[in-house]
Amino acid sequence: MKHLLSGVFRYAIRIGTLNPPNPVQEVCVPEGRASADTYAYTLEEIVRMLAVLPEPARTIVAVAGFTGLRRGELRGIELEDYDGHTY
């Protein structure tokens, strides 16, 4: 966000809409929270889950396990995004 805002203000200064200095230049970004430990399932664990899960859970686990998408990315998947040809 800092880089985006800095770029916007830099552009505004360049075209003469804003007088220097760039107000975002001296901003400090606070440190984020430490991330929790995560666990990656092995291929064998994924295959075992797929063997016992009913649909649609099986498809969800297969997509999550074989694509490596993050949780937020998985939530954003829609059927219309898949065309059957693009990898």
C-alpha atoms as a PDB file:
ATOM      1  CA  MET A   1       0.000   0.000   0.000  1.00  0.00           C
ATOM      2  CA  LYS A   2       2.869   2.342   0.820  1.00  0.00           C
ATOM      3  CA  HIS A   3       4.438   1.808  -2.607  1.00  0.00           C
ATOM      4  CA  LEU A   4       1.124   2.373  -4.363  1.00  0.00           C
ATOM      5  CA  LEU A   5       0.455   5.625  -2.508  1.00  0.00           C
ATOM      6  CA  SER A   6       4.007   6.800  -2.990  1.00  0.00           C
ATOM      7  CA  GLY A   7       3.686   6.185  -6.713  1.00  0.00           C
ATOM      8  CA  VAL A   8       0.384   8.074  -6.870  1.00  0.00           C
ATOM      9  CA  PHE A   9       1.869  11.074  -5.065  1.00  0.00           C
ATOM     10  CA  ARG A  10       5.064  10.907  -7.158  1.00  0.00           C
ATOM     11  CA  TYR A  11       2.932  11.038 -10.289  1.00  0.00           C
ATOM     12  CA  ALA A  12       0.909  13.959  -8.888  1.00  0.00           C
ATOM     13  CA  ILE A  13       4.143  15.849  -8.183  1.00  0.00           C
ATOM     14  CA  ARG A  14       5.449  15.081 -11.677  1.00  0.00           C
ATOM     15  CA  ILE A  15       2.324  16.451 -13.410  1.00  0.00           C
ATOM     16  CA  GLY A  16       2.208  19.490 -11.128  1.00  0.00           C
ATOM     17  CA  THR A  17      -0.934  18.663  -9.142  1.00  0.00           C
ATOM     18  CA  LEU A  18       0.983  18.426  -5.853  1.00  0.00           C
ATOM     19  CA  ASN A  19       4.003  20.303  -4.582  1.00  0.00           C
ATOM     20  CA  PRO A  20       6.964  18.304  -3.218  1.00  0.00           C
ATOM     21  CA  PRO A  21       7.831  16.599  -0.930  1.00  0.00           C
ATOM     22  CA  ASN A  22       6.045  13.270  -1.327  1.00  0.00           C
ATOM     23  CA  PRO A  23       4.002  12.878   1.914  1.00  0.00           C
ATOM     24  CA  VAL A  24       4.304   9.107   1.877  1.00  0.00           C
ATOM     25  CA  GLN A  25       8.097   9.075   1.666  1.00  0.00           C
ATOM     26  CA  GLU A  26       8.655   9.258   5.430  1.00  0.00           C
ATOM     27  CA  VAL A  27       5.931   6.767   6.379  1.00  0.00           C
ATOM     28  CA  CYS A  28       7.046   3.696   8.329  1.00  0.00           C
ATOM     29  CA  VAL A  29       5.185   0.443   7.834  1.00  0.00           C
ATOM     30  CA  PRO A  30       4.621  -1.392  11.141  1.00  0.00           C
ATOM     31  CA  GLU A  31       5.658  -5.008  11.413  1.00  0.00           C
ATOM     32  CA  GLY A  32       2.864  -7.462  10.804  1.00  0.00           C
ATOM     33  CA  ARG A  33       1.807 -10.275  13.057  1.00  0.00           C
ATOM     34  CA  ALA A  34       3.929 -13.370  13.070  1.00  0.00           C
ATOM     35  CA  SER A  35       2.344 -16.051  10.930  1.00  0.00           C
ATOM     36  CA  ALA A  36       1.225 -19.296  12.469  1.00  0.00           C
ATOM     37  CA  ASP A  37       2.997 -22.510  11.601  1.00  0.00           C
ATOM     38  CA  THR A  38       1.444 -24.253   8.643  1.00  0.00           C
ATOM     39  CA  TYR A  39       1.388 -27.865   7.634  1.00  0.00           C
ATOM     40  CA  ALA A  40       1.699 -29.221   4.110  1.00  0.00           C
ATOM     41  CA  TYR A  41       0.066 -32.578   3.472  1.00  0.00           C
ATOM     42  CA  THR A  42       2.116 -35.207   1.706  1.00  0.00           C
ATOM     43  CA  LEU A  43       0.950 -36.711  -1.570  1.00  0.00           C
ATOM     44  CA  GLU A  44       0.122 -39.946   0.258  1.00  0.00           C
ATOM     45  CA  GLU A  45      -2.048 -38.086   2.795  1.00  0.00           C
ATOM     46  CA  ILE A  46      -3.922 -36.280   0.021  1.00  0.00           C
ATOM     47  CA  VAL A  47      -4.565 -39.537  -1.850  1.00  0.00           C
ATOM     48  CA  ARG A  48      -5.842 -41.200   1.354  1.00  0.00           C
ATOM     49  CA  MET A  49      -8.233 -38.289   1.966  1.00  0.00           C
ATOM     50  CA  LEU A  50      -9.515 -38.471  -1.604  1.00  0.00           C
ATOM     51  CA  ALA A  51     -10.209 -42.194  -1.178  1.00  0.00           C
ATOM     52  CA  VAL A  52     -12.645 -41.655   1.715  1.00  0.00           C
ATOM     53  CA  LEU A  53     -14.219 -38.250   1.077  1.00  0.00           C
ATOM     54  CA  PRO A  54     -17.579 -37.886  -0.676  1.00  0.00           C
ATOM     55  CA  GLU A  55     -18.233 -35.238  -3.315  1.00  0.00           C
ATOM     56  CA  PRO A  56     -17.988 -32.232  -3.312  1.00  0.00           C
ATOM     57  CA  ALA A  57     -15.418 -32.438  -0.491  1.00  0.00           C
ATOM     58  CA  ARG A  58     -13.239 -34.721  -2.634  1.00  0.00           C
ATOM     59  CA  THR A  59     -13.012 -32.120  -5.396  1.00  0.00           C
ATOM     60  CA  ILE A  60     -12.264 -29.325  -2.938  1.00  0.00           C
ATOM     61  CA  VAL A  61      -9.458 -31.310  -1.307  1.00  0.00           C
ATOM     62  CA  ALA A  62      -8.062 -32.304  -4.724  1.00  0.00           C
ATOM     63  CA  VAL A  63      -7.955 -28.688  -5.913  1.00  0.00           C
ATOM     64  CA  ALA A  64      -6.412 -27.495  -2.652  1.00  0.00           C
ATOM     65  CA  GLY A  65      -3.911 -30.346  -2.478  1.00  0.00           C
ATOM     66  CA  PHE A  66      -2.758 -30.369  -6.086  1.00  0.00           C
ATOM     67  CA  THR A  67      -2.706 -26.652  -6.910  1.00  0.00           C
ATOM     68  CA  GLY A  68      -0.938 -25.209  -3.879  1.00  0.00           C
ATOM     69  CA  LEU A  69      -3.382 -22.305  -3.725  1.00  0.00           C
ATOM     70  CA  ARG A  70      -3.658 -20.341  -0.510  1.00  0.00           C
ATOM     71  CA  ARG A  71      -6.870 -20.265   1.518  1.00  0.00           C
ATOM     72  CA  GLY A  72      -7.997 -16.903   0.160  1.00  0.00           C
ATOM     73  CA  GLU A  73      -7.278 -18.015  -3.411  1.00  0.00           C
ATOM     74  CA  LEU A  74      -9.299 -21.180  -2.909  1.00  0.00           C
ATOM     75  CA  ARG A  75     -12.245 -19.134  -1.663  1.00  0.00           C
ATOM     76  CA  GLY A  76     -12.161 -17.072  -4.836  1.00  0.00           C
ATOM     77  CA  ILE A  77     -12.347 -19.984  -7.283  1.00  0.00           C
ATOM     78  CA  GLU A  78     -15.492 -20.127  -9.391  1.00  0.00           C
ATOM     79  CA  LEU A  79     -16.570 -22.815 -11.832  1.00  0.00           C
ATOM     80  CA  GLU A  80     -16.599 -20.253 -14.636  1.00  0.00           C
ATOM     81  CA  ASP A  81     -12.846 -19.748 -14.091  1.00  0.00           C
ATOM     82  CA  TYR A  82     -12.134 -23.262 -15.424  1.00  0.00           C
ATOM     83  CA  ASP A  83     -12.335 -23.713 -19.167  1.00  0.00           C
ATOM     84  CA  GLY A  84     -10.908 -27.233 -19.354  1.00  0.00           C
ATOM     85  CA  HIS A  85      -7.927 -26.178 -21.469  1.00  0.00           C
ATOM     86  CA  THR A  86      -5.866 -23.623 -19.538  1.00  0.00           C
ATOM     87  CA  TYR A  87      -3.332 -24.958 -17.051  1.00  0.00           C
END
